[in-house]
Amino acid sequence: MPVSDPRGDAGRWANVSYRVRQPSAPEPAPRRKKYWFHKFCRCCAGHRDDTDWTPAPGEVPGARRTDPVIREGMLVIQKIDLMSGRTGSNRRAHHTDEYEYDNLIIRRGQPFEMKLHFQQPYDSEDHRVCLEFLVGSSPQASKGTHILVPVGGSLPSPAWSAEMISSDDNTMSIRVCPSPRAVIGKYQFSVKTRSKAGEYAAPFDPKNEVYILFNPWCPEIRTSPTLMAFRKAVKTLLFLQA
């Protein structure tokens, strides 16, 4: 039986089905390429643990709003007591009680005490506390001018340290020891806390500025190679002049 020629039908390709072309769907956004070091660097992987207090990407140390965001359940700092009175134990122990300043004046390499007052009781299981010190116009952790000291955390020696002495209801007593090699100058001071509700950062208050001085009584300084070499050079110079 002869097959009919489709070219004789109405239209050139009448036997061919016509399909309406649907508009193409938008292409999905390209996924961020992950490198091998993302497995080891928690910052690059996009999440941090409770021991990592480094500033978030884009955060400028010291640039902090005076009215921090507060959510229910946050461990909010109600008051910071640096115990900076001239007749107090800190100033007398650091031989700075004769300086006519109301701010805390201490010497590096020697511990001092402070108290933190919270708006709710402190829970060691759910709450974390970190002390923050900044010195200079552009503080950087790599230069030792932006110091983050977790309370009860371990840092390489010689470094800053902070340990909780006691905790009573909403008050925490802390003993802090600056590094013997801490930069001498005026420090801004603040406190950060973490809980399940998020991180709270207390504003920087000029009343909480801390002055750190040289410490001639510090054993680490008295036996440092630099100071020993300086003393030897002085003795040699005096011997030659005699």
Protein backbone atom coordinates (compact mmCIF):
# COMPACT_ATOMS: atom_id res chain seq x y z
CA MET A 1 0.00 0.00 0.00
CA PRO A 2 1.52 3.35 -0.96
CA VAL A 3 2.43 5.73 1.85
CA SER A 4 1.02 9.23 1.59
CA ASP A 5 3.42 12.04 1.24
CA PRO A 6 3.14 14.38 4.32
CA ARG A 7 4.30 17.27 2.20
CA GLY A 8 0.91 17.36 0.56
CA ASP A 9 -0.91 18.04 3.79
CA ALA A 10 -1.95 21.50 4.92
CA GLY A 11 1.17 23.15 6.20
CA ARG A 12 4.67 22.02 5.47
CA TRP A 13 5.04 19.64 8.43
CA ALA A 14 1.46 18.86 9.41
CA ASN A 15 2.30 15.48 10.92
CA VAL A 16 4.92 16.95 13.22
CA SER A 17 3.67 17.75 16.72
CA TYR A 18 4.18 21.29 17.92
CA ARG A 19 5.52 21.86 21.43
CA VAL A 20 5.39 25.21 23.13
CA ARG A 21 8.79 26.19 24.39
CA GLN A 22 8.72 26.88 28.09
CA PRO A 23 10.83 29.72 29.46
CA SER A 24 14.06 28.47 30.95
CA ALA A 25 14.22 28.34 34.75
CA PRO A 26 16.75 30.64 36.44
CA GLU A 27 20.10 29.02 37.02
CA PRO A 28 20.85 28.23 40.66
CA ALA A 29 23.45 30.36 42.38
CA PRO A 30 26.89 28.80 42.20
CA ARG A 31 27.91 27.03 45.39
CA ARG A 32 30.87 28.33 47.28
CA LYS A 33 33.90 26.26 46.55
CA LYS A 34 35.34 24.57 49.63
CA TYR A 35 39.03 24.03 49.94
CA TRP A 36 40.87 21.43 51.96
CA PHE A 37 41.69 23.81 54.81
CA HIS A 38 37.98 24.34 55.54
CA LYS A 39 38.06 20.99 57.33
CA PHE A 40 40.59 22.33 59.82
CA CYS A 41 39.74 26.06 60.07
CA ARG A 42 36.42 26.57 61.87
CA CYS A 43 36.33 30.24 60.91
CA CYS A 44 36.55 29.38 57.18
CA ALA A 45 34.00 26.62 57.62
CA GLY A 46 31.47 29.19 58.81
CA HIS A 47 31.05 28.15 62.45
CA ARG A 48 32.89 28.78 65.70
CA ASP A 49 33.10 27.02 69.04
CA ASP A 50 32.78 28.39 72.57
CA THR A 51 36.54 28.88 72.92
CA ASP A 52 36.87 31.07 69.82
CA TRP A 53 36.38 34.72 70.77
CA THR A 54 38.06 36.29 67.75
CA PRO A 55 36.12 39.11 66.08
CA ALA A 56 33.68 38.15 63.34
CA PRO A 57 34.66 38.98 59.73
CA GLY A 58 34.26 42.72 59.19
CA GLU A 59 34.09 43.54 62.91
CA VAL A 60 36.37 46.40 63.95
CA PRO A 61 37.80 46.01 67.48
CA GLY A 62 36.62 48.86 69.68
CA ALA A 63 33.82 49.97 67.34
CA ARG A 64 30.81 48.94 69.41
CA ARG A 65 27.37 50.42 69.80
CA THR A 66 26.52 51.96 73.17
CA ASP A 67 23.12 50.23 73.26
CA PRO A 68 23.80 46.55 72.56
CA VAL A 69 21.03 44.25 71.41
CA ILE A 70 19.64 42.28 74.34
CA ARG A 71 17.60 39.10 73.90
CA GLU A 72 15.87 37.08 76.55
CA GLY A 73 18.22 34.60 78.16
CA MET A 74 21.43 36.54 77.46
CA LEU A 75 23.98 36.91 80.25
CA VAL A 76 23.89 40.71 80.48
CA ILE A 77 26.57 42.68 82.33
CA GLN A 78 24.94 45.02 84.82
CA LYS A 79 28.10 46.50 86.33
CA ILE A 80 31.88 46.15 86.04
CA ASP A 81 33.79 46.77 89.27
CA LEU A 82 37.53 47.04 88.63
CA MET A 83 38.17 47.79 92.32
CA SER A 84 40.26 50.77 91.25
CA GLY A 85 40.08 52.83 94.45
CA ARG A 86 43.38 54.37 95.53
CA THR A 87 43.09 52.78 98.97
CA GLY A 88 41.96 49.42 97.58
CA SER A 89 43.96 46.21 97.46
CA ASN A 90 44.76 46.42 93.74
CA ARG A 91 46.40 49.84 93.82
CA ARG A 92 48.33 49.09 97.00
CA ALA A 93 49.58 45.71 95.77
CA HIS A 94 50.79 47.28 92.50
CA HIS A 95 52.44 50.30 94.22
CA THR A 96 50.22 52.73 92.32
CA ASP A 97 48.13 54.07 95.21
CA GLU A 98 49.91 57.45 95.09
CA TYR A 99 48.87 58.20 91.50
CA GLU A 100 46.09 60.82 91.48
CA TYR A 101 43.78 58.98 89.09
CA ASP A 102 40.52 57.17 89.72
CA ASN A 103 41.08 54.61 86.95
CA LEU A 104 42.68 51.27 87.64
CA ILE A 105 46.49 51.55 87.45
CA ILE A 106 48.37 48.26 87.57
CA ARG A 107 51.71 46.75 86.58
CA ARG A 108 52.17 44.05 83.99
CA GLY A 109 52.99 40.50 85.05
CA GLN A 110 51.18 40.94 88.37
CA PRO A 111 47.60 39.75 89.09
CA PHE A 112 44.72 41.97 90.09
CA GLU A 113 41.07 41.34 90.93
CA MET A 114 37.73 42.55 89.62
CA LYS A 115 34.02 41.82 90.02
CA LEU A 116 31.33 41.38 87.38
CA HIS A 117 27.66 41.89 88.24
CA PHE A 118 25.10 40.18 85.98
CA GLN A 119 21.37 40.64 85.60
CA GLN A 120 20.83 36.94 86.27
CA PRO A 121 22.66 34.18 88.17
CA TYR A 122 25.78 32.84 86.50
CA ASP A 123 25.66 29.21 85.37
CA SER A 124 29.04 27.65 84.66
CA GLU A 125 27.44 25.01 82.43
CA ASP A 126 25.57 27.38 80.10
CA HIS A 127 27.51 30.65 80.33
CA ARG A 128 30.92 31.73 79.03
CA VAL A 129 32.76 34.97 79.88
CA CYS A 130 35.66 36.66 78.08
CA LEU A 131 37.59 39.81 79.01
CA GLU A 132 38.59 42.18 76.21
CA PHE A 133 41.49 44.66 76.35
CA LEU A 134 42.46 47.10 73.58
CA VAL A 135 45.37 49.51 73.40
CA GLY A 136 46.40 51.93 70.65
CA SER A 137 44.57 53.49 67.72
CA SER A 138 44.26 50.30 65.62
CA PRO A 139 44.29 47.26 67.93
CA GLN A 140 45.32 43.94 66.40
CA ALA A 141 45.62 40.54 68.03
CA SER A 142 48.76 39.74 66.04
CA LYS A 143 50.53 42.76 67.57
CA GLY A 144 49.41 42.12 71.12
CA THR A 145 47.20 45.23 71.21
CA HIS A 146 43.85 43.39 71.10
CA ILE A 147 43.71 40.85 73.90
CA LEU A 148 40.85 38.41 74.48
CA VAL A 149 41.10 36.54 77.77
CA PRO A 150 38.55 33.75 78.37
CA VAL A 151 37.78 33.33 82.05
CA GLY A 152 39.07 29.90 82.99
CA GLY A 153 40.51 29.29 79.54
CA SER A 154 44.04 28.16 78.82
CA LEU A 155 46.39 30.39 76.83
CA PRO A 156 50.01 29.81 75.80
CA SER A 157 52.56 31.09 78.30
CA PRO A 158 53.62 33.79 78.86
CA ALA A 159 50.23 35.33 78.21
CA TRP A 160 47.27 36.89 79.91
CA SER A 161 45.16 34.70 82.17
CA ALA A 162 41.87 35.01 84.04
CA GLU A 163 40.34 32.66 86.58
CA MET A 164 37.13 32.80 88.56
CA ILE A 165 37.71 33.11 92.28
CA SER A 166 34.10 32.83 93.38
CA SER A 167 30.55 33.19 92.12
CA ASP A 168 27.75 34.34 94.40
CA ASP A 169 24.27 34.74 92.90
CA ASN A 170 24.69 37.44 90.23
CA THR A 171 28.30 38.38 91.07
CA MET A 172 31.53 36.84 89.82
CA SER A 173 34.97 37.57 91.30
CA ILE A 174 37.88 37.19 88.86
CA ARG A 175 41.67 37.24 89.22
CA VAL A 176 43.41 38.56 86.10
CA CYS A 177 47.13 38.47 85.36
CA PRO A 178 48.48 40.55 82.46
CA SER A 179 51.35 39.20 80.43
CA PRO A 180 54.84 40.27 81.58
CA ARG A 181 55.34 41.46 77.99
CA ALA A 182 52.07 43.39 77.78
CA VAL A 183 52.19 46.72 75.96
CA ILE A 184 52.58 49.63 78.38
CA GLY A 185 49.79 52.17 77.97
CA LYS A 186 46.10 52.95 78.44
CA TYR A 187 43.71 50.08 77.66
CA GLN A 188 40.04 50.08 76.84
CA PHE A 189 38.22 47.33 78.68
CA SER A 190 35.00 45.42 78.05
CA VAL A 191 33.43 42.04 78.71
CA LYS A 192 31.77 39.56 76.36
CA THR A 193 29.41 36.78 77.43
CA ARG A 194 27.85 33.83 75.64
CA SER A 195 24.77 31.78 76.36
CA LYS A 196 22.23 29.77 74.41
CA ALA A 197 20.45 33.05 73.61
CA GLY A 198 23.55 34.49 71.91
CA GLU A 199 26.56 36.72 72.56
CA TYR A 200 26.41 39.93 74.59
CA ALA A 201 29.17 42.55 74.38
CA ALA A 202 29.25 45.31 77.00
CA PRO A 203 29.97 48.83 75.69
CA PHE A 204 33.37 50.40 76.22
CA ASP A 205 33.16 52.86 79.09
CA PRO A 206 35.92 55.45 79.76
CA LYS A 207 35.44 54.80 83.49
CA ASN A 208 36.70 51.24 82.90
CA GLU A 209 39.95 52.23 81.20
CA VAL A 210 43.01 50.49 82.63
CA TYR A 211 46.58 51.85 82.79
CA ILE A 212 49.33 49.23 82.66
CA LEU A 213 52.84 50.25 83.75
CA PHE A 214 56.29 48.69 83.75
CA ASN A 215 56.87 46.30 86.64
CA PRO A 216 60.40 46.24 88.09
CA TRP A 217 59.26 43.69 90.69
CA CYS A 218 58.17 41.11 88.10
CA PRO A 219 60.48 38.03 88.21
CA GLU A 220 60.04 37.38 84.46
CA ILE A 221 61.20 40.90 83.66
CA ARG A 222 64.15 40.83 86.07
CA THR A 223 65.51 37.63 84.53
CA SER A 224 64.71 38.38 80.88
CA PRO A 225 67.66 38.06 78.44
CA THR A 226 67.18 41.63 77.22
CA LEU A 227 67.37 43.11 80.71
CA MET A 228 70.30 40.90 81.66
CA ALA A 229 72.20 42.05 78.56
CA PHE A 230 71.38 45.67 79.38
CA ARG A 231 72.68 45.30 82.94
CA LYS A 232 75.85 43.66 81.66
CA ALA A 233 76.41 46.52 79.22
CA VAL A 234 75.92 49.08 81.99
CA LYS A 235 78.39 47.32 84.27
CA THR A 236 80.95 47.15 81.46
CA LEU A 237 80.51 50.86 80.74
CA LEU A 238 80.93 51.77 84.41
CA PHE A 239 84.02 49.57 84.66
CA LEU A 240 85.63 51.28 81.65
CA GLN A 241 84.86 54.72 83.06
CA ALA A 242 86.32 53.88 86.48
